[in-house]
């Protein structure tokens, strides 16, 4: 479930990152061309990143491109539930949705979304 940006409930985003794989200039340029339309690049950390507030076509395209980069170049892809910043104006998951409940539970445990504990 998504909400409007100014809901009174807790708002969650999925933050997706892909650390650039070590590569020569040509391979790095291929990674850049693949990811530049779906994610922002942080030069200091050499990481592409984007935030997802709704499971829609844009989100699926973003995830597909990040995982394609992982497959082709060896980028390390990570998905983490984060609280939406106050300045976030896009859609977000709220505390009443099933996905948001899962994200909140995972964030509370200090594990990444999708990461299982050793005891499970």
N, C-alpha and C. Protein backbone atom coordinates (compact mmCIF):
# COMPACT_ATOMS: atom_id res chain seq x y z
N UNK A 1 0.85 -1.17 0.00
CA UNK A 1 0.00 0.00 0.00
C UNK A 1 0.90 1.23 0.00
N UNK A 2 0.54 2.20 -0.76
CA UNK A 2 1.29 3.45 -0.78
C UNK A 2 0.39 4.56 -0.27
N UNK A 3 0.97 5.67 0.05
CA UNK A 3 0.20 6.79 0.56
C UNK A 3 0.63 8.07 -0.13
N UNK A 4 -0.12 9.11 0.16
CA UNK A 4 0.29 10.43 -0.31
C UNK A 4 1.46 10.89 0.54
N UNK A 5 2.24 11.84 0.06
CA UNK A 5 3.46 12.22 0.78
C UNK A 5 3.25 12.80 2.17
N UNK A 6 2.09 13.30 2.49
CA UNK A 6 1.92 13.99 3.77
C UNK A 6 1.02 13.24 4.74
N UNK A 7 1.08 11.94 4.72
CA UNK A 7 0.32 11.11 5.64
C UNK A 7 0.89 11.26 7.05
N UNK A 8 0.07 11.00 8.08
CA UNK A 8 0.52 11.08 9.46
C UNK A 8 1.17 9.79 9.94
N UNK A 9 1.13 8.73 9.13
CA UNK A 9 1.69 7.46 9.55
C UNK A 9 3.18 7.40 9.21
N UNK A 10 3.83 6.36 9.71
CA UNK A 10 5.23 6.15 9.41
C UNK A 10 5.36 5.88 7.92
N UNK A 11 6.37 6.48 7.29
CA UNK A 11 6.57 6.33 5.85
C UNK A 11 7.90 5.64 5.59
N UNK A 12 7.88 4.65 4.71
CA UNK A 12 9.05 3.86 4.40
C UNK A 12 9.38 3.91 2.92
N UNK A 13 10.66 3.80 2.62
CA UNK A 13 11.14 3.67 1.25
C UNK A 13 12.07 2.48 1.19
N UNK A 14 12.20 1.91 0.03
CA UNK A 14 13.23 0.92 -0.20
C UNK A 14 14.38 1.66 -0.87
N UNK A 15 15.53 1.64 -0.25
CA UNK A 15 16.71 2.28 -0.83
C UNK A 15 17.54 1.18 -1.48
N UNK A 16 17.76 1.32 -2.77
CA UNK A 16 18.47 0.32 -3.54
C UNK A 16 19.81 0.91 -3.97
N UNK A 17 20.87 0.16 -3.72
CA UNK A 17 22.21 0.64 -4.11
C UNK A 17 22.93 -0.45 -4.89
N UNK A 18 23.85 0.00 -5.73
CA UNK A 18 24.71 -0.92 -6.48
C UNK A 18 26.11 -0.33 -6.48
N UNK A 19 27.03 -1.01 -5.81
CA UNK A 19 28.42 -0.56 -5.78
C UNK A 19 29.08 -0.93 -7.10
N UNK A 20 29.70 0.04 -7.73
CA UNK A 20 30.35 -0.20 -9.02
C UNK A 20 31.40 -1.30 -8.89
N UNK A 21 31.38 -2.21 -9.83
CA UNK A 21 32.37 -3.27 -9.85
C UNK A 21 33.70 -2.69 -10.32
N UNK A 22 34.80 -3.22 -9.79
CA UNK A 22 36.11 -2.78 -10.30
C UNK A 22 36.18 -3.09 -11.80
N UNK A 23 36.51 -2.09 -12.58
CA UNK A 23 36.52 -2.28 -14.03
C UNK A 23 37.38 -1.23 -14.69
N UNK A 24 37.84 -1.55 -15.87
CA UNK A 24 38.56 -0.58 -16.69
C UNK A 24 37.58 0.46 -17.21
N UNK A 25 38.10 1.49 -17.85
CA UNK A 25 37.24 2.58 -18.33
C UNK A 25 36.10 2.14 -19.25
N UNK A 26 36.34 1.20 -20.14
CA UNK A 26 35.30 0.77 -21.08
C UNK A 26 34.17 0.03 -20.36
N UNK A 27 34.52 -0.88 -19.46
CA UNK A 27 33.50 -1.63 -18.71
C UNK A 27 32.75 -0.71 -17.76
N UNK A 28 33.46 0.23 -17.13
CA UNK A 28 32.78 1.17 -16.25
C UNK A 28 31.78 2.01 -17.05
N UNK A 29 32.14 2.43 -18.25
CA UNK A 29 31.23 3.21 -19.09
C UNK A 29 30.00 2.38 -19.46
N UNK A 30 30.16 1.08 -19.68
CA UNK A 30 29.01 0.21 -19.94
C UNK A 30 28.08 0.18 -18.73
N UNK A 31 28.66 0.06 -17.53
CA UNK A 31 27.85 0.09 -16.30
C UNK A 31 27.09 1.41 -16.21
N UNK A 32 27.80 2.50 -16.47
CA UNK A 32 27.19 3.83 -16.38
C UNK A 32 26.03 3.97 -17.36
N UNK A 33 26.23 3.51 -18.59
CA UNK A 33 25.17 3.61 -19.59
C UNK A 33 23.94 2.79 -19.20
N UNK A 34 24.17 1.63 -18.60
CA UNK A 34 23.07 0.77 -18.18
C UNK A 34 22.25 1.38 -17.05
N UNK A 35 22.93 2.04 -16.10
CA UNK A 35 22.27 2.49 -14.87
C UNK A 35 21.90 3.96 -14.82
N UNK A 36 22.44 4.78 -15.68
CA UNK A 36 22.27 6.23 -15.55
C UNK A 36 20.83 6.70 -15.65
N UNK A 37 19.96 5.98 -16.36
CA UNK A 37 18.58 6.44 -16.49
C UNK A 37 17.69 6.01 -15.33
N UNK A 38 18.18 5.13 -14.45
CA UNK A 38 17.33 4.64 -13.35
C UNK A 38 17.87 4.95 -11.97
N UNK A 39 19.13 5.37 -11.88
CA UNK A 39 19.71 5.61 -10.56
C UNK A 39 20.69 6.78 -10.62
N UNK A 40 20.92 7.37 -9.46
CA UNK A 40 21.90 8.45 -9.34
C UNK A 40 23.24 7.84 -8.95
N UNK A 41 24.31 8.52 -9.32
CA UNK A 41 25.65 8.00 -9.03
C UNK A 41 26.36 8.92 -8.05
N UNK A 42 26.90 8.32 -6.99
CA UNK A 42 27.71 9.05 -6.01
C UNK A 42 29.17 8.75 -6.32
N UNK A 43 29.88 9.74 -6.85
CA UNK A 43 31.27 9.55 -7.28
C UNK A 43 32.18 9.15 -6.12
N UNK A 44 31.98 9.75 -4.95
CA UNK A 44 32.87 9.47 -3.81
C UNK A 44 32.84 8.00 -3.41
N UNK A 45 31.65 7.41 -3.36
CA UNK A 45 31.53 6.01 -2.96
C UNK A 45 31.47 5.05 -4.15
N UNK A 46 31.41 5.61 -5.37
CA UNK A 46 31.27 4.83 -6.60
C UNK A 46 30.07 3.90 -6.52
N UNK A 47 28.94 4.48 -6.07
CA UNK A 47 27.72 3.70 -5.86
C UNK A 47 26.54 4.38 -6.56
N UNK A 48 25.76 3.58 -7.28
CA UNK A 48 24.49 4.06 -7.81
C UNK A 48 23.44 3.83 -6.74
N UNK A 49 22.46 4.74 -6.68
CA UNK A 49 21.42 4.58 -5.67
C UNK A 49 20.10 5.15 -6.18
N UNK A 50 19.02 4.62 -5.63
CA UNK A 50 17.67 5.12 -5.93
C UNK A 50 16.77 4.70 -4.79
N UNK A 51 15.66 5.40 -4.69
CA UNK A 51 14.66 5.09 -3.65
C UNK A 51 13.36 4.68 -4.33
N UNK A 52 12.73 3.68 -3.75
CA UNK A 52 11.46 3.15 -4.26
C UNK A 52 10.39 3.36 -3.21
N UNK A 53 9.30 4.02 -3.60
CA UNK A 53 8.19 4.25 -2.69
C UNK A 53 6.92 3.55 -3.12
N UNK A 54 6.95 2.88 -4.27
CA UNK A 54 5.80 2.13 -4.77
C UNK A 54 6.32 1.02 -5.68
N UNK A 55 5.69 -0.14 -5.61
CA UNK A 55 6.07 -1.22 -6.50
C UNK A 55 5.31 -1.04 -7.81
N UNK A 56 5.90 -0.27 -8.69
CA UNK A 56 5.29 0.06 -9.97
C UNK A 56 6.25 -0.28 -11.11
N UNK A 57 5.91 0.12 -12.32
CA UNK A 57 6.74 -0.18 -13.48
C UNK A 57 8.13 0.42 -13.33
N UNK A 58 8.23 1.65 -12.83
CA UNK A 58 9.52 2.30 -12.63
C UNK A 58 10.39 1.49 -11.67
N UNK A 59 9.80 1.03 -10.57
CA UNK A 59 10.54 0.26 -9.58
C UNK A 59 11.04 -1.06 -10.18
N UNK A 60 10.19 -1.72 -10.94
CA UNK A 60 10.60 -2.97 -11.56
C UNK A 60 11.71 -2.77 -12.58
N UNK A 61 11.63 -1.69 -13.35
CA UNK A 61 12.69 -1.38 -14.31
C UNK A 61 14.01 -1.10 -13.58
N UNK A 62 13.94 -0.34 -12.51
CA UNK A 62 15.12 -0.04 -11.71
C UNK A 62 15.77 -1.32 -11.19
N UNK A 63 14.97 -2.18 -10.57
CA UNK A 63 15.50 -3.42 -10.02
C UNK A 63 16.08 -4.31 -11.12
N UNK A 64 15.39 -4.39 -12.25
CA UNK A 64 15.88 -5.20 -13.35
C UNK A 64 17.25 -4.71 -13.83
N UNK A 65 17.39 -3.41 -13.97
CA UNK A 65 18.68 -2.86 -14.44
C UNK A 65 19.80 -3.09 -13.43
N UNK A 66 19.49 -2.91 -12.14
CA UNK A 66 20.52 -3.13 -11.12
C UNK A 66 20.96 -4.59 -11.09
N UNK A 67 20.02 -5.50 -11.20
CA UNK A 67 20.39 -6.91 -11.18
C UNK A 67 21.06 -7.33 -12.49
N UNK A 68 20.72 -6.69 -13.59
CA UNK A 68 21.44 -6.92 -14.84
C UNK A 68 22.90 -6.47 -14.70
N UNK A 69 23.11 -5.32 -14.06
CA UNK A 69 24.47 -4.85 -13.82
C UNK A 69 25.24 -5.82 -12.93
N UNK A 70 24.56 -6.38 -11.94
CA UNK A 70 25.21 -7.35 -11.07
C UNK A 70 25.61 -8.59 -11.85
N UNK A 71 24.74 -9.04 -12.71
CA UNK A 71 25.02 -10.23 -13.49
C UNK A 71 26.15 -9.98 -14.50
N UNK A 72 26.10 -8.86 -15.19
CA UNK A 72 27.07 -8.59 -16.25
C UNK A 72 28.42 -8.13 -15.72
N UNK A 73 28.42 -7.31 -14.65
CA UNK A 73 29.66 -6.67 -14.22
C UNK A 73 30.10 -7.04 -12.81
N UNK A 74 29.24 -7.69 -12.04
CA UNK A 74 29.60 -8.04 -10.67
C UNK A 74 29.35 -6.95 -9.66
N UNK A 75 28.47 -5.99 -9.98
CA UNK A 75 28.14 -4.96 -8.99
C UNK A 75 27.45 -5.61 -7.80
N UNK A 76 27.64 -5.05 -6.62
CA UNK A 76 27.01 -5.56 -5.41
C UNK A 76 25.72 -4.77 -5.18
N UNK A 77 24.58 -5.44 -5.33
CA UNK A 77 23.27 -4.79 -5.19
C UNK A 77 22.74 -5.05 -3.79
N UNK A 78 22.15 -4.00 -3.21
CA UNK A 78 21.63 -4.08 -1.84
C UNK A 78 20.29 -3.35 -1.78
N UNK A 79 19.33 -3.92 -1.07
CA UNK A 79 18.03 -3.30 -0.85
C UNK A 79 17.83 -3.16 0.65
N UNK A 80 17.49 -1.96 1.09
CA UNK A 80 17.35 -1.69 2.52
C UNK A 80 16.12 -0.83 2.75
N UNK A 81 15.35 -1.15 3.79
CA UNK A 81 14.21 -0.31 4.17
C UNK A 81 14.72 0.87 4.97
N UNK A 82 14.30 2.08 4.58
CA UNK A 82 14.71 3.29 5.29
C UNK A 82 13.48 4.16 5.54
N UNK A 83 13.53 4.95 6.57
CA UNK A 83 12.46 5.90 6.82
C UNK A 83 12.53 6.99 5.75
N UNK A 84 11.39 7.39 5.26
CA UNK A 84 11.34 8.45 4.24
C UNK A 84 11.77 9.77 4.87
N UNK A 85 12.69 10.49 4.22
CA UNK A 85 13.08 11.80 4.75
C UNK A 85 11.89 12.76 4.72
N UNK A 86 11.90 13.74 5.59
CA UNK A 86 10.81 14.71 5.64
C UNK A 86 10.60 15.41 4.30
N UNK A 87 11.68 15.59 3.54
CA UNK A 87 11.59 16.29 2.27
C UNK A 87 11.10 15.40 1.12
N UNK A 88 10.89 14.11 1.37
CA UNK A 88 10.46 13.18 0.32
C UNK A 88 9.04 13.53 -0.12
N UNK A 89 8.87 13.79 -1.40
CA UNK A 89 7.56 14.18 -1.94
C UNK A 89 6.91 13.10 -2.78
N UNK A 90 7.57 11.98 -2.95
CA UNK A 90 7.03 10.91 -3.78
C UNK A 90 6.18 9.94 -2.97
N UNK A 91 5.73 8.88 -3.64
CA UNK A 91 4.95 7.86 -2.92
C UNK A 91 5.83 7.14 -1.92
N UNK A 92 5.20 6.53 -0.94
CA UNK A 92 5.94 5.78 0.07
C UNK A 92 5.07 4.67 0.61
N UNK A 93 5.70 3.72 1.23
CA UNK A 93 4.98 2.65 1.92
C UNK A 93 4.64 3.16 3.31
N UNK A 94 3.45 2.83 3.79
CA UNK A 94 3.04 3.29 5.11
C UNK A 94 3.03 2.14 6.10
N UNK A 95 2.85 2.46 7.37
CA UNK A 95 2.87 1.43 8.40
C UNK A 95 1.65 0.53 8.37
N UNK A 96 0.68 0.79 7.51
CA UNK A 96 -0.51 -0.05 7.46
C UNK A 96 -0.41 -1.14 6.39
N UNK A 97 0.58 -1.08 5.53
CA UNK A 97 0.72 -2.06 4.46
C UNK A 97 1.58 -3.24 4.87
N UNK A 98 1.35 -4.38 4.23
CA UNK A 98 2.10 -5.58 4.53
C UNK A 98 3.60 -5.39 4.25
N UNK A 99 3.95 -4.79 3.11
CA UNK A 99 5.36 -4.56 2.79
C UNK A 99 6.00 -3.62 3.80
N UNK A 100 5.29 -2.57 4.18
CA UNK A 100 5.83 -1.63 5.15
C UNK A 100 6.03 -2.31 6.51
N UNK A 101 5.12 -3.20 6.89
CA UNK A 101 5.26 -3.93 8.15
C UNK A 101 6.51 -4.80 8.13
N UNK A 102 6.74 -5.46 6.99
CA UNK A 102 7.94 -6.27 6.85
C UNK A 102 9.18 -5.40 6.90
N UNK A 103 9.15 -4.28 6.19
CA UNK A 103 10.30 -3.36 6.18
C UNK A 103 10.59 -2.85 7.58
N UNK A 104 9.54 -2.48 8.31
CA UNK A 104 9.73 -1.97 9.67
C UNK A 104 10.32 -3.05 10.57
N UNK A 105 9.81 -4.28 10.47
CA UNK A 105 10.32 -5.37 11.29
C UNK A 105 11.79 -5.63 10.98
N UNK A 106 12.14 -5.64 9.70
CA UNK A 106 13.54 -5.87 9.33
C UNK A 106 14.43 -4.74 9.81
N UNK A 107 13.98 -3.51 9.64
CA UNK A 107 14.78 -2.37 10.08
C UNK A 107 14.97 -2.40 11.59
N UNK A 108 13.92 -2.77 12.32
CA UNK A 108 14.02 -2.84 13.77
C UNK A 108 15.02 -3.89 14.23
N UNK A 109 15.15 -4.94 13.48
CA UNK A 109 16.09 -6.00 13.85
C UNK A 109 17.51 -5.68 13.41
N UNK A 110 17.67 -4.61 12.65
CA UNK A 110 19.00 -4.24 12.21
C UNK A 110 19.53 -5.07 11.05
N UNK A 111 18.62 -5.78 10.38
CA UNK A 111 19.02 -6.58 9.23
C UNK A 111 18.48 -5.93 7.98
N UNK A 112 19.14 -6.23 6.86
CA UNK A 112 18.66 -5.76 5.57
C UNK A 112 17.37 -6.46 5.19
N UNK A 113 16.54 -5.80 4.41
CA UNK A 113 15.32 -6.41 3.92
C UNK A 113 15.69 -7.65 3.13
N UNK A 114 15.11 -8.78 3.47
CA UNK A 114 15.41 -10.02 2.77
C UNK A 114 16.51 -10.84 3.40
N UNK A 115 17.23 -10.28 4.34
CA UNK A 115 18.31 -11.00 5.00
C UNK A 115 17.74 -11.79 6.17
N UNK A 116 18.02 -13.08 6.22
CA UNK A 116 17.52 -13.92 7.30
C UNK A 116 18.53 -13.95 8.43
N UNK A 117 18.01 -14.09 9.64
CA UNK A 117 18.93 -14.21 10.77
C UNK A 117 19.53 -15.61 10.77
N UNK A 118 20.62 -15.80 11.47
CA UNK A 118 21.29 -17.09 11.52
C UNK A 118 20.43 -18.14 12.20
N UNK A 119 19.54 -17.72 13.11
CA UNK A 119 18.70 -18.66 13.85
C UNK A 119 17.54 -19.17 13.02
N UNK A 120 17.18 -18.48 11.93
CA UNK A 120 16.02 -18.90 11.15
C UNK A 120 16.38 -19.97 10.16
